[in-house]
């Protein structure tokens, strides 16, 4: 304590009383977080009991991770500790999500033994912001649906829902799937395959066709083909022809075959598999046997 009996403390005495270094207190004082109560005749900073309490608050806020700018705003009444704490919680949540993604990327790299180039690509794609991920998906859906206003809206919705963001705490498998998914939807060949599928759908739909009819037809196709397989119906036989008539009616078998071949593209099935992993869904069945039966049955009718 100073010798004048005022109860004021020098910066050294304040440091000894609080256990903080003189350098730290001087820095906080210089930054305006701890202004001195007054100065001595020699120009030295002096602090009072209020300064001591203020210093304890500054130390507490700093230990909680607040910057000096936020500390000054709290001390001057511009904001409250609760408001600043809420903002820091949001910032910490974002940092935690980022760290979890980084952990997922590193786990995948370690598991796969990725090269430096693969590691760089995986990190770049996995660390994309939500806005950047949305832009990639928007570009994809815009391109494959451009000008096809009659396409089934349910297909568009399902495609957008399938290509989801990484979860906040992704597993290495989800990071791996997300990276492959982003690469896949940016491939021109894949986009062309998706575009062909949507074009076929748009051609088939009239103005009075209800939403979801395309998916209903595919479900019916899988069910009918599955029944035929279980019953031992062989493609090319009269029984198979009857199943097809019930399924496609008077439609041209060659046109239906062309559309099914577009839907059965293995890249589309891979897209569904990757989407399921990223979303945490059960892996979808490719229904290879069912599609194969229908394709074989159609081919037997269109063969020269």
Protein backbone atom coordinates (compact mmCIF):
# COMPACT_ATOMS: atom_id res chain seq x y z
CA UNK A 1 0.00 0.00 0.00
CA UNK A 2 1.19 3.57 -0.60
CA UNK A 3 2.53 5.60 2.30
CA UNK A 4 -0.07 8.42 2.11
CA UNK A 5 -2.71 6.47 4.03
CA UNK A 6 -5.27 6.72 1.26
CA UNK A 7 -5.60 2.95 0.79
CA UNK A 8 -4.54 3.23 -2.84
CA UNK A 9 -2.42 0.47 -4.39
CA UNK A 10 0.43 0.74 -6.79
CA UNK A 11 0.41 -1.61 -9.77
CA UNK A 12 3.02 -3.78 -8.03
CA UNK A 13 0.95 -4.04 -4.86
CA UNK A 14 -2.16 -4.87 -6.93
CA UNK A 15 -0.20 -7.59 -8.68
CA UNK A 16 0.90 -9.13 -5.37
CA UNK A 17 -2.64 -8.95 -3.99
CA UNK A 18 -4.20 -10.70 -6.98
CA UNK A 19 -1.42 -13.02 -8.09
CA UNK A 20 -1.42 -11.48 -11.58
CA UNK A 21 1.73 -10.19 -13.20
CA UNK A 22 2.52 -6.48 -13.36
CA UNK A 23 2.85 -6.86 -17.12
CA UNK A 24 -0.69 -8.28 -17.46
CA UNK A 25 -2.27 -5.60 -15.28
CA UNK A 26 -0.41 -2.85 -17.13
CA UNK A 27 -1.57 -4.26 -20.49
CA UNK A 28 -5.20 -4.44 -19.37
CA UNK A 29 -4.92 -0.93 -18.00
CA UNK A 30 -3.39 0.34 -21.27
CA UNK A 31 -6.24 -1.28 -23.20
CA UNK A 32 -8.85 0.56 -21.13
CA UNK A 33 -10.18 -2.46 -19.25
CA UNK A 34 -8.67 -1.34 -15.93
CA UNK A 35 -8.18 2.43 -15.80
CA UNK A 36 -6.31 3.64 -12.68
CA UNK A 37 -8.29 5.43 -9.98
CA UNK A 38 -5.69 8.21 -10.03
CA UNK A 39 -1.99 8.80 -10.45
CA UNK A 40 0.70 9.72 -7.95
CA UNK A 41 2.65 12.95 -8.04
CA UNK A 42 5.31 11.04 -9.95
CA UNK A 43 2.81 9.86 -12.55
CA UNK A 44 2.50 6.27 -11.32
CA UNK A 45 -0.83 4.51 -11.62
CA UNK A 46 -2.78 4.02 -8.39
CA UNK A 47 -5.74 1.71 -7.87
CA UNK A 48 -8.47 1.63 -5.23
CA UNK A 49 -10.81 -1.04 -3.84
CA UNK A 50 -13.12 -0.58 -6.83
CA UNK A 51 -10.18 -1.24 -9.12
CA UNK A 52 -9.47 -4.45 -7.25
CA UNK A 53 -13.07 -5.68 -7.78
CA UNK A 54 -12.94 -4.60 -11.42
CA UNK A 55 -9.68 -6.47 -11.91
CA UNK A 56 -11.22 -9.66 -10.51
CA UNK A 57 -14.10 -9.33 -12.98
CA UNK A 58 -11.71 -8.70 -15.87
CA UNK A 59 -9.72 -11.79 -14.92
CA UNK A 60 -12.88 -13.91 -14.72
CA UNK A 61 -14.14 -12.73 -18.11
CA UNK A 62 -10.74 -13.30 -19.70
CA UNK A 63 -10.56 -16.82 -18.26
CA UNK A 64 -13.95 -17.48 -19.87
CA UNK A 65 -12.42 -16.58 -23.22
CA UNK A 66 -13.75 -13.06 -23.75
CA UNK A 67 -11.60 -10.61 -25.66
CA UNK A 68 -10.73 -7.25 -24.19
CA UNK A 69 -13.18 -5.51 -26.51
CA UNK A 70 -16.07 -7.50 -25.05
CA UNK A 71 -14.67 -7.01 -21.54
CA UNK A 72 -14.67 -3.22 -22.00
CA UNK A 73 -18.24 -3.34 -23.34
CA UNK A 74 -19.39 -5.23 -20.25
CA UNK A 75 -17.55 -2.90 -17.88
CA UNK A 76 -18.94 0.23 -19.53
CA UNK A 77 -22.51 -1.11 -19.52
CA UNK A 78 -22.80 -1.38 -23.32
CA UNK A 79 -23.78 -5.02 -22.93
CA UNK A 80 -24.34 -7.55 -20.18
CA UNK A 81 -22.30 -10.56 -19.18
CA UNK A 82 -25.26 -12.77 -20.15
CA UNK A 83 -25.43 -11.30 -23.66
CA UNK A 84 -21.71 -11.66 -24.21
CA UNK A 85 -21.77 -15.18 -22.82
CA UNK A 86 -24.58 -16.14 -25.22
CA UNK A 87 -22.58 -14.81 -28.16
CA UNK A 88 -19.54 -16.75 -27.04
CA UNK A 89 -21.58 -19.92 -26.66
CA UNK A 90 -22.67 -19.59 -30.29
CA UNK A 91 -19.09 -18.98 -31.38
CA UNK A 92 -17.83 -21.95 -29.36
CA UNK A 93 -20.54 -24.16 -30.84
CA UNK A 94 -19.35 -23.22 -34.33
CA UNK A 95 -15.75 -23.96 -33.34
CA UNK A 96 -16.76 -27.30 -31.84
CA UNK A 97 -18.62 -28.27 -35.03
CA UNK A 98 -15.58 -27.31 -37.08
CA UNK A 99 -13.27 -29.32 -34.83
CA UNK A 100 -15.55 -32.34 -35.06
CA UNK A 101 -15.48 -32.15 -38.85
CA UNK A 102 -11.69 -31.84 -38.74
CA UNK A 103 -11.54 -34.87 -36.46
CA UNK A 104 -13.74 -36.80 -38.86
CA UNK A 105 -11.52 -35.86 -41.82
CA UNK A 106 -8.35 -36.87 -39.97
CA UNK A 107 -9.92 -40.16 -38.87
CA UNK A 108 -10.85 -40.92 -42.47
CA UNK A 109 -7.39 -39.99 -43.71
CA UNK A 110 -5.77 -42.25 -41.09
CA UNK A 111 -8.11 -45.12 -41.87
CA UNK A 112 -7.68 -44.91 -45.64
CA UNK A 113 -4.00 -43.98 -45.71
CA UNK A 114 -4.86 -41.07 -48.00
CA UNK A 115 -2.25 -39.22 -50.02
CA UNK A 116 -1.46 -35.56 -49.40
CA UNK A 117 -3.59 -34.57 -52.40
CA UNK A 118 -6.56 -36.65 -51.21
CA UNK A 119 -6.23 -35.23 -47.70
CA UNK A 120 -6.26 -31.66 -49.04
CA UNK A 121 -9.33 -32.34 -51.16
CA UNK A 122 -11.20 -34.07 -48.34
CA UNK A 123 -10.47 -31.24 -45.91
CA UNK A 124 -11.51 -28.58 -48.42
CA UNK A 125 -14.80 -30.26 -49.23
CA UNK A 126 -15.65 -31.27 -45.67
CA UNK A 127 -14.96 -27.77 -44.32
CA UNK A 128 -17.26 -26.01 -46.77
CA UNK A 129 -19.66 -23.65 -45.06
CA UNK A 130 -23.37 -24.38 -45.01
CA UNK A 131 -23.89 -21.62 -47.60
CA UNK A 132 -21.26 -23.12 -49.90
CA UNK A 133 -22.76 -26.58 -49.55
CA UNK A 134 -26.21 -25.16 -50.37
CA UNK A 135 -24.77 -23.43 -53.45
CA UNK A 136 -23.28 -26.68 -54.77
CA UNK A 137 -26.62 -28.44 -54.32
CA UNK A 138 -28.55 -25.55 -55.88
CA UNK A 139 -26.26 -25.58 -58.92
CA UNK A 140 -26.80 -29.33 -59.27
CA UNK A 141 -30.59 -29.23 -59.07
CA UNK A 142 -30.82 -26.13 -61.29
CA UNK A 143 -28.86 -27.80 -64.05
CA UNK A 144 -30.71 -31.11 -64.08
CA UNK A 145 -34.18 -29.52 -63.82
CA UNK A 146 -33.58 -26.47 -66.07
CA UNK A 147 -36.60 -26.02 -68.36
CA UNK A 148 -38.28 -29.27 -67.28
CA UNK A 149 -41.28 -27.71 -65.56
CA UNK A 150 -43.48 -30.78 -66.04
CA UNK A 151 -41.16 -33.10 -64.11
CA UNK A 152 -42.63 -34.60 -60.93
CA UNK A 153 -41.99 -32.06 -58.10
CA UNK A 154 -41.66 -34.94 -55.65
CA UNK A 155 -38.47 -36.05 -57.40
CA UNK A 156 -36.94 -32.58 -56.99
CA UNK A 157 -37.81 -32.52 -53.29
CA UNK A 158 -36.37 -35.96 -52.68
CA UNK A 159 -33.13 -35.12 -54.48
CA UNK A 160 -32.65 -31.98 -52.39
CA UNK A 161 -33.47 -33.80 -49.16
CA UNK A 162 -31.14 -36.67 -49.99
CA UNK A 163 -28.03 -34.51 -50.45
CA UNK A 164 -27.92 -33.28 -46.87
CA UNK A 165 -25.22 -31.43 -44.95
CA UNK A 166 -22.75 -33.23 -42.76
CA UNK A 167 -24.12 -33.71 -39.24
CA UNK A 168 -22.54 -31.70 -36.42
CA UNK A 169 -20.61 -34.73 -35.20
CA UNK A 170 -19.86 -36.74 -38.36
CA UNK A 171 -18.37 -40.18 -38.31
CA UNK A 172 -15.38 -40.92 -40.56
CA UNK A 173 -17.75 -42.89 -42.80
CA UNK A 174 -20.06 -39.87 -43.15
CA UNK A 175 -17.17 -37.54 -43.98
CA UNK A 176 -15.95 -40.02 -46.58
CA UNK A 177 -19.45 -40.34 -48.07
CA UNK A 178 -20.01 -36.58 -48.12
CA UNK A 179 -16.74 -35.96 -49.98
CA UNK A 180 -17.60 -38.62 -52.58
CA UNK A 181 -21.15 -37.26 -52.86
CA UNK A 182 -19.96 -33.71 -53.54
CA UNK A 183 -17.50 -34.97 -56.13
CA UNK A 184 -20.21 -37.10 -57.75
CA UNK A 185 -22.81 -34.35 -58.14
CA UNK A 186 -20.19 -32.12 -59.77
CA UNK A 187 -19.27 -34.69 -62.42
CA UNK A 188 -20.68 -33.70 -65.85
CA UNK A 189 -21.38 -37.35 -66.74
CA UNK A 190 -23.41 -37.89 -63.59
CA UNK A 191 -25.36 -34.68 -64.12
CA UNK A 192 -26.09 -35.78 -67.68
CA UNK A 193 -27.39 -39.14 -66.43
CA UNK A 194 -29.63 -37.40 -63.89
CA UNK A 195 -30.81 -34.98 -66.56
CA UNK A 196 -31.82 -37.85 -68.86
CA UNK A 197 -33.85 -39.42 -66.08
CA UNK A 198 -35.67 -36.14 -65.39
CA UNK A 199 -36.28 -35.57 -69.11
CA UNK A 200 -37.94 -38.97 -69.42
CA UNK A 201 -40.08 -38.19 -66.41
CA UNK A 202 -41.10 -34.81 -67.84
CA UNK A 203 -42.08 -36.40 -71.15
CA UNK A 204 -44.36 -38.92 -69.44
CA UNK A 205 -46.28 -36.49 -67.24
CA UNK A 206 -49.38 -34.74 -68.43
CA UNK A 207 -50.97 -31.72 -66.73
CA UNK A 208 -53.38 -33.87 -64.72
CA UNK A 209 -50.82 -36.37 -63.39
CA UNK A 210 -50.63 -36.06 -59.59
CA UNK A 211 -47.40 -35.44 -57.70
CA UNK A 212 -45.62 -38.60 -56.66
CA UNK A 213 -46.97 -40.76 -59.49
CA UNK A 214 -43.47 -41.54 -60.75
CA UNK A 215 -42.37 -42.92 -57.42
CA UNK A 216 -45.64 -44.83 -57.09
CA UNK A 217 -45.01 -46.48 -60.47
CA UNK A 218 -41.47 -47.50 -59.47
CA UNK A 219 -42.79 -49.02 -56.24
CA UNK A 220 -45.40 -50.94 -58.21
CA UNK A 221 -42.77 -52.09 -60.71
CA UNK A 222 -40.53 -53.44 -57.94
CA UNK A 223 -43.44 -55.20 -56.27
CA UNK A 224 -44.67 -56.79 -59.52
CA UNK A 225 -41.19 -57.91 -60.53
CA UNK A 226 -40.56 -59.29 -57.06
CA UNK A 227 -43.78 -61.33 -57.24
CA UNK A 228 -42.79 -62.64 -60.68
CA UNK A 229 -39.37 -63.67 -59.42
CA UNK A 230 -40.84 -65.50 -56.44
CA UNK A 231 -43.35 -67.25 -58.71
CA UNK A 232 -40.61 -68.33 -61.09
CA UNK A 233 -41.98 -66.36 -64.07
CA UNK A 234 -39.38 -66.38 -66.84
CA UNK A 235 -38.93 -63.26 -69.04
CA UNK A 236 -40.07 -63.84 -72.60
CA UNK A 237 -42.89 -66.19 -71.67
CA UNK A 238 -46.63 -65.46 -71.98
CA UNK A 239 -46.87 -65.13 -68.20
CA UNK A 240 -44.12 -62.48 -68.24
CA UNK A 241 -45.94 -60.63 -71.04
CA UNK A 242 -49.09 -60.60 -68.94
CA UNK A 243 -47.18 -59.11 -65.99
CA UNK A 244 -45.81 -56.38 -68.27
CA UNK A 245 -49.24 -55.58 -69.71
CA UNK A 246 -50.61 -55.16 -66.22
CA UNK A 247 -47.65 -52.96 -65.33
CA UNK A 248 -47.25 -50.66 -68.37
CA UNK A 249 -50.60 -51.01 -70.13
CA UNK A 250 -50.47 -49.90 -73.77
CA UNK A 251 -47.15 -48.05 -73.41
CA UNK A 252 -44.44 -48.81 -75.96
CA UNK A 253 -42.13 -51.45 -74.41
CA UNK A 254 -39.12 -49.93 -76.20
CA UNK A 255 -39.81 -46.50 -74.67
CA UNK A 256 -40.32 -47.97 -71.19
CA UNK A 257 -37.10 -49.97 -71.56
CA UNK A 258 -35.17 -46.82 -72.45
CA UNK A 259 -36.47 -45.05 -69.38
CA UNK A 260 -35.71 -47.95 -67.06
CA UNK A 261 -32.16 -48.18 -68.36
CA UNK A 262 -31.71 -44.50 -67.43
CA UNK A 263 -33.08 -45.07 -63.92
CA UNK A 264 -30.92 -48.18 -63.44
CA UNK A 265 -27.66 -46.28 -64.03
CA UNK A 266 -25.24 -47.52 -61.30
CA UNK A 267 -24.19 -43.93 -60.57
CA UNK A 268 -27.74 -43.11 -59.49
CA UNK A 269 -27.71 -46.03 -57.11
CA UNK A 270 -24.36 -44.84 -55.73
CA UNK A 271 -25.89 -41.40 -55.17
CA UNK A 272 -28.67 -43.01 -53.12
CA UNK A 273 -26.17 -45.08 -51.11
CA UNK A 274 -23.98 -42.07 -50.28
CA UNK A 275 -26.99 -39.96 -49.34
CA UNK A 276 -28.14 -42.67 -46.94
CA UNK A 277 -24.74 -42.73 -45.22
CA UNK A 278 -24.57 -38.93 -44.84
CA UNK A 279 -28.14 -38.79 -43.50
CA UNK A 280 -27.69 -41.78 -41.20
CA UNK A 281 -30.40 -43.78 -42.98
CA UNK A 282 -30.46 -47.50 -43.68
CA UNK A 283 -28.66 -48.25 -46.92
CA UNK A 284 -31.19 -48.55 -49.75
CA UNK A 285 -31.51 -51.68 -51.81
CA UNK A 286 -30.57 -51.31 -55.48
CA UNK A 287 -33.36 -53.77 -56.35
CA UNK A 288 -31.01 -55.18 -58.96
CA UNK A 289 -32.90 -58.44 -59.39
CA UNK A 290 -36.28 -56.75 -59.80
CA UNK A 291 -35.01 -54.19 -62.32
CA UNK A 292 -33.10 -56.92 -64.12
CA UNK A 293 -36.24 -59.02 -64.49
CA UNK A 294 -38.30 -56.13 -65.92
CA UNK A 295 -35.50 -55.11 -68.30
CA UNK A 296 -35.13 -58.71 -69.52
CA UNK A 297 -38.90 -59.01 -69.98
CA UNK A 298 -39.03 -55.77 -71.96
CA UNK A 299 -36.01 -56.71 -74.07
CA UNK A 300 -37.74 -59.95 -75.05
CA UNK A 301 -40.61 -57.90 -76.46
CA UNK A 302 -38.56 -55.33 -78.35
CA UNK A 303 -35.95 -57.73 -79.74
CA UNK A 304 -36.05 -57.99 -83.56
